[in-house]
Amino acid sequence: MKPGNFYFLRNDYFADFPDDKLMGNKEMVQGVSHDRHCFYAFYDDSTSLYWLIPFSSRVSKFKSIKE
């Protein structure tokens, strides 16, 4: 994985790691199916982990999760 790039998770990921607390694959919003989420990757030197941050136009949704 290259930090600074954008990534999409494959359908297999959602089948292999089902979790109702994670973002869904191709979520339904008001009865309309949306495409798979896009993530921005960065590396955290302090934990030696790669992090994937979701891109979304639904800012208010993520503000409520953050707070």
C-alpha atoms as a PDB file:
ATOM      1  CA  MET A   1       0.000   0.000   0.000  1.00  0.00           C
ATOM      2  CA  LYS A   2       1.284   3.462  -0.861  1.00  0.00           C
ATOM      3  CA  PRO A   3       0.485   6.330   1.557  1.00  0.00           C
ATOM      4  CA  GLY A   4      -1.255   9.239  -0.117  1.00  0.00           C
ATOM      5  CA  ASN A   5      -3.154   7.064  -2.598  1.00  0.00           C
ATOM      6  CA  PHE A   6      -6.874   6.366  -2.824  1.00  0.00           C
ATOM      7  CA  TYR A   7      -8.230   2.833  -2.379  1.00  0.00           C
ATOM      8  CA  PHE A   8     -11.459   0.897  -2.779  1.00  0.00           C
ATOM      9  CA  LEU A   9     -12.168  -2.271  -0.781  1.00  0.00           C
ATOM     10  CA  ARG A  10     -13.132  -5.353  -2.798  1.00  0.00           C
ATOM     11  CA  ASN A  11     -16.470  -7.090  -2.336  1.00  0.00           C
ATOM     12  CA  ASP A  12     -14.560 -10.019  -0.782  1.00  0.00           C
ATOM     13  CA  TYR A  13     -13.480  -7.841   2.144  1.00  0.00           C
ATOM     14  CA  PHE A  14     -17.071  -7.301   3.245  1.00  0.00           C
ATOM     15  CA  ALA A  15     -17.816 -11.040   2.949  1.00  0.00           C
ATOM     16  CA  ASP A  16     -14.625 -12.066   4.804  1.00  0.00           C
ATOM     17  CA  PHE A  17     -14.920  -9.457   7.589  1.00  0.00           C
ATOM     18  CA  PRO A  18     -18.613  -8.835   8.283  1.00  0.00           C
ATOM     19  CA  ASP A  19     -19.066  -6.126  10.904  1.00  0.00           C
ATOM     20  CA  ASP A  20     -22.160  -3.993  11.435  1.00  0.00           C
ATOM     21  CA  LYS A  21     -20.002  -1.215  12.914  1.00  0.00           C
ATOM     22  CA  LEU A  22     -17.952  -0.747   9.731  1.00  0.00           C
ATOM     23  CA  MET A  23     -19.054   1.170   6.654  1.00  0.00           C
ATOM     24  CA  GLY A  24     -21.120  -1.043   4.399  1.00  0.00           C
ATOM     25  CA  ASN A  25     -20.390  -1.952   0.818  1.00  0.00           C
ATOM     26  CA  LYS A  26     -22.551  -0.068  -1.681  1.00  0.00           C
ATOM     27  CA  GLU A  27     -24.852   1.264   1.030  1.00  0.00           C
ATOM     28  CA  MET A  28     -28.509   2.054   0.420  1.00  0.00           C
ATOM     29  CA  VAL A  29     -29.380   5.699   1.124  1.00  0.00           C
ATOM     30  CA  GLN A  30     -33.044   6.638   0.820  1.00  0.00           C
ATOM     31  CA  GLY A  31     -33.646   3.553  -1.319  1.00  0.00           C
ATOM     32  CA  VAL A  32     -30.775   4.288  -3.730  1.00  0.00           C
ATOM     33  CA  SER A  33     -27.686   2.050  -3.969  1.00  0.00           C
ATOM     34  CA  HIS A  34     -24.427   4.026  -3.781  1.00  0.00           C
ATOM     35  CA  ASP A  35     -21.034   3.014  -5.116  1.00  0.00           C
ATOM     36  CA  ARG A  36     -18.330   1.539  -2.924  1.00  0.00           C
ATOM     37  CA  HIS A  37     -16.582   3.972  -0.588  1.00  0.00           C
ATOM     38  CA  CYS A  38     -13.244   5.528  -1.473  1.00  0.00           C
ATOM     39  CA  PHE A  39     -10.520   5.697   1.178  1.00  0.00           C
ATOM     40  CA  TYR A  40      -7.380   7.802   1.548  1.00  0.00           C
ATOM     41  CA  ALA A  41      -4.377   5.876   2.937  1.00  0.00           C
ATOM     42  CA  PHE A  42      -1.711   7.157   5.301  1.00  0.00           C
ATOM     43  CA  TYR A  43       0.955   5.514   7.449  1.00  0.00           C
ATOM     44  CA  ASP A  44       1.220   6.240  11.177  1.00  0.00           C
ATOM     45  CA  ASP A  45       4.868   6.036  12.271  1.00  0.00           C
ATOM     46  CA  SER A  46       3.937   5.950  15.964  1.00  0.00           C
ATOM     47  CA  THR A  47       1.875   2.733  15.602  1.00  0.00           C
ATOM     48  CA  SER A  48       3.336   1.243  12.390  1.00  0.00           C
ATOM     49  CA  LEU A  49      -0.197   0.993  11.011  1.00  0.00           C
ATOM     50  CA  TYR A  50      -1.770   2.065   7.745  1.00  0.00           C
ATOM     51  CA  TRP A  51      -5.011   3.992   8.189  1.00  0.00           C
ATOM     52  CA  LEU A  52      -7.793   4.328   5.641  1.00  0.00           C
ATOM     53  CA  ILE A  53      -9.926   7.451   5.964  1.00  0.00           C
ATOM     54  CA  PRO A  54     -13.255   7.394   4.092  1.00  0.00           C
ATOM     55  CA  PHE A  55     -14.169  10.159   1.660  1.00  0.00           C
ATOM     56  CA  SER A  56     -17.752  11.320   1.889  1.00  0.00           C
ATOM     57  CA  SER A  57     -19.940  14.275   1.044  1.00  0.00           C
ATOM     58  CA  ARG A  58     -22.036  13.499   4.141  1.00  0.00           C
ATOM     59  CA  VAL A  59     -20.035  15.734   6.501  1.00  0.00           C
ATOM     60  CA  SER A  60     -22.741  15.977   9.184  1.00  0.00           C
ATOM     61  CA  LYS A  61     -22.857  12.160   9.490  1.00  0.00           C
ATOM     62  CA  PHE A  62     -19.138  11.929  10.261  1.00  0.00           C
ATOM     63  CA  LYS A  63     -19.120  14.969  12.543  1.00  0.00           C
ATOM     64  CA  SER A  64     -21.688  13.238  14.747  1.00  0.00           C
ATOM     65  CA  ILE A  65     -19.576  10.052  14.867  1.00  0.00           C
ATOM     66  CA  LYS A  66     -16.417  12.013  15.725  1.00  0.00           C
ATOM     67  CA  GLU A  67     -18.019  13.877  18.610  1.00  0.00           C
END
